[in-house]
C-alpha atoms as a PDB file:
ATOM      1  CA  UNK A   1      34.573 -76.647 -32.178  1.00  0.00           C
ATOM      2  CA  UNK A   2      33.123 -76.266 -28.704  1.00  0.00           C
ATOM      3  CA  UNK A   3      29.814 -77.751 -27.736  1.00  0.00           C
ATOM      4  CA  UNK A   4      26.924 -75.428 -27.122  1.00  0.00           C
ATOM      5  CA  UNK A   5      25.067 -75.581 -23.852  1.00  0.00           C
ATOM      6  CA  UNK A   6      21.406 -76.510 -23.737  1.00  0.00           C
ATOM      7  CA  UNK A   7      20.565 -72.849 -23.051  1.00  0.00           C
ATOM      8  CA  UNK A   8      22.530 -71.661 -26.089  1.00  0.00           C
ATOM      9  CA  UNK A   9      20.824 -74.246 -28.282  1.00  0.00           C
ATOM     10  CA  UNK A  10      17.417 -73.017 -27.104  1.00  0.00           C
ATOM     11  CA  UNK A  11      18.322 -69.376 -27.777  1.00  0.00           C
ATOM     12  CA  UNK A  12      19.471 -70.216 -31.307  1.00  0.00           C
ATOM     13  CA  UNK A  13      16.385 -72.363 -31.996  1.00  0.00           C
ATOM     14  CA  UNK A  14      14.049 -69.639 -30.690  1.00  0.00           C
ATOM     15  CA  UNK A  15      15.743 -67.051 -32.894  1.00  0.00           C
ATOM     16  CA  UNK A  16      15.225 -69.120 -36.029  1.00  0.00           C
ATOM     17  CA  UNK A  17      11.664 -70.002 -35.019  1.00  0.00           C
ATOM     18  CA  UNK A  18      10.829 -66.301 -34.663  1.00  0.00           C
ATOM     19  CA  UNK A  19      12.950 -64.925 -37.500  1.00  0.00           C
ATOM     20  CA  UNK A  20       9.924 -63.847 -39.567  1.00  0.00           C
ATOM     21  CA  UNK A  21       8.378 -62.020 -36.609  1.00  0.00           C
ATOM     22  CA  UNK A  22      11.674 -60.267 -35.926  1.00  0.00           C
ATOM     23  CA  UNK A  23      11.971 -59.190 -39.578  1.00  0.00           C
ATOM     24  CA  UNK A  24       8.355 -57.963 -39.608  1.00  0.00           C
ATOM     25  CA  UNK A  25       8.819 -55.913 -36.448  1.00  0.00           C
ATOM     26  CA  UNK A  26      12.022 -54.361 -37.788  1.00  0.00           C
ATOM     27  CA  UNK A  27      10.280 -53.567 -41.093  1.00  0.00           C
ATOM     28  CA  UNK A  28       7.549 -51.755 -39.173  1.00  0.00           C
ATOM     29  CA  UNK A  29      10.168 -49.735 -37.292  1.00  0.00           C
ATOM     30  CA  UNK A  30      11.951 -48.857 -40.539  1.00  0.00           C
ATOM     31  CA  UNK A  31       8.733 -47.556 -42.122  1.00  0.00           C
ATOM     32  CA  UNK A  32       8.431 -45.150 -39.187  1.00  0.00           C
ATOM     33  CA  UNK A  33      12.024 -44.052 -39.702  1.00  0.00           C
ATOM     34  CA  UNK A  34      11.342 -43.479 -43.424  1.00  0.00           C
ATOM     35  CA  UNK A  35       8.608 -40.978 -42.584  1.00  0.00           C
ATOM     36  CA  UNK A  36      11.004 -39.027 -40.376  1.00  0.00           C
ATOM     37  CA  UNK A  37      14.224 -39.142 -42.385  1.00  0.00           C
ATOM     38  CA  UNK A  38      15.649 -37.566 -45.501  1.00  0.00           C
ATOM     39  CA  UNK A  39      18.837 -37.667 -47.527  1.00  0.00           C
ATOM     40  CA  UNK A  40      21.421 -40.379 -46.985  1.00  0.00           C
ATOM     41  CA  UNK A  41      19.693 -41.698 -43.875  1.00  0.00           C
ATOM     42  CA  UNK A  42      16.553 -42.292 -45.909  1.00  0.00           C
ATOM     43  CA  UNK A  43      18.504 -44.247 -48.530  1.00  0.00           C
ATOM     44  CA  UNK A  44      20.021 -46.359 -45.772  1.00  0.00           C
ATOM     45  CA  UNK A  45      16.579 -47.101 -44.317  1.00  0.00           C
ATOM     46  CA  UNK A  46      15.215 -48.092 -47.742  1.00  0.00           C
ATOM     47  CA  UNK A  47      18.102 -50.495 -48.217  1.00  0.00           C
ATOM     48  CA  UNK A  48      17.596 -52.018 -44.791  1.00  0.00           C
ATOM     49  CA  UNK A  49      13.836 -52.284 -45.350  1.00  0.00           C
ATOM     50  CA  UNK A  50      14.495 -54.095 -48.618  1.00  0.00           C
ATOM     51  CA  UNK A  51      16.671 -56.637 -46.827  1.00  0.00           C
ATOM     52  CA  UNK A  52      13.992 -57.295 -44.220  1.00  0.00           C
ATOM     53  CA  UNK A  53      11.278 -57.605 -46.855  1.00  0.00           C
ATOM     54  CA  UNK A  54      13.411 -60.202 -48.644  1.00  0.00           C
ATOM     55  CA  UNK A  55      13.491 -62.187 -45.412  1.00  0.00           C
ATOM     56  CA  UNK A  56       9.690 -62.032 -45.456  1.00  0.00           C
ATOM     57  CA  UNK A  57       9.616 -63.576 -48.962  1.00  0.00           C
ATOM     58  CA  UNK A  58       8.623 -60.409 -50.817  1.00  0.00           C
ATOM     59  CA  UNK A  59       9.683 -60.508 -54.471  1.00  0.00           C
ATOM     60  CA  UNK A  60      12.692 -58.422 -55.461  1.00  0.00           C
ATOM     61  CA  UNK A  61      10.659 -56.673 -58.196  1.00  0.00           C
ATOM     62  CA  UNK A  62       8.170 -55.469 -55.590  1.00  0.00           C
ATOM     63  CA  UNK A  63      10.954 -54.198 -53.357  1.00  0.00           C
ATOM     64  CA  UNK A  64      12.608 -52.396 -56.279  1.00  0.00           C
ATOM     65  CA  UNK A  65       9.277 -50.738 -57.110  1.00  0.00           C
ATOM     66  CA  UNK A  66       8.822 -49.549 -53.510  1.00  0.00           C
ATOM     67  CA  UNK A  67      12.330 -48.114 -53.404  1.00  0.00           C
ATOM     68  CA  UNK A  68      11.978 -46.386 -56.779  1.00  0.00           C
ATOM     69  CA  UNK A  69       8.698 -44.759 -55.705  1.00  0.00           C
ATOM     70  CA  UNK A  70      10.338 -43.504 -52.481  1.00  0.00           C
ATOM     71  CA  UNK A  71       6.916 -43.338 -50.814  1.00  0.00           C
ATOM     72  CA  UNK A  72       6.738 -44.492 -47.176  1.00  0.00           C
ATOM     73  CA  UNK A  73       2.957 -44.876 -47.489  1.00  0.00           C
ATOM     74  CA  UNK A  74       3.379 -47.655 -50.054  1.00  0.00           C
ATOM     75  CA  UNK A  75       5.880 -49.387 -47.791  1.00  0.00           C
ATOM     76  CA  UNK A  76       3.520 -48.991 -44.826  1.00  0.00           C
ATOM     77  CA  UNK A  77       0.677 -50.627 -46.761  1.00  0.00           C
ATOM     78  CA  UNK A  78       2.951 -53.496 -47.781  1.00  0.00           C
ATOM     79  CA  UNK A  79       4.129 -54.090 -44.218  1.00  0.00           C
ATOM     80  CA  UNK A  80       0.552 -53.837 -42.952  1.00  0.00           C
ATOM     81  CA  UNK A  81      -0.527 -56.570 -45.406  1.00  0.00           C
ATOM     82  CA  UNK A  82       2.364 -58.724 -44.304  1.00  0.00           C
ATOM     83  CA  UNK A  83       1.423 -58.239 -40.643  1.00  0.00           C
ATOM     84  CA  UNK A  84      -2.174 -59.270 -41.297  1.00  0.00           C
ATOM     85  CA  UNK A  85      -1.116 -62.408 -43.118  1.00  0.00           C
ATOM     86  CA  UNK A  86       1.369 -63.413 -40.404  1.00  0.00           C
END
């Protein structure tokens, strides 16, 4: 395996240091997309939002409840709480 340069090591380290912030920002973007979408696109956004919420240590039961309710307002409140606690 090839050695990584010092720059590459820093990029990788910075990514993992900021992984929660990246997931939170993407979750916020997905909530916006949920408000604007419908049909299959909406299902795709819910699935993606669930994956990002898992990265933010949200319990699977909570994610399943949000998806079953199919209410972007509930997801927005959840993401807002997560942003305040971050």
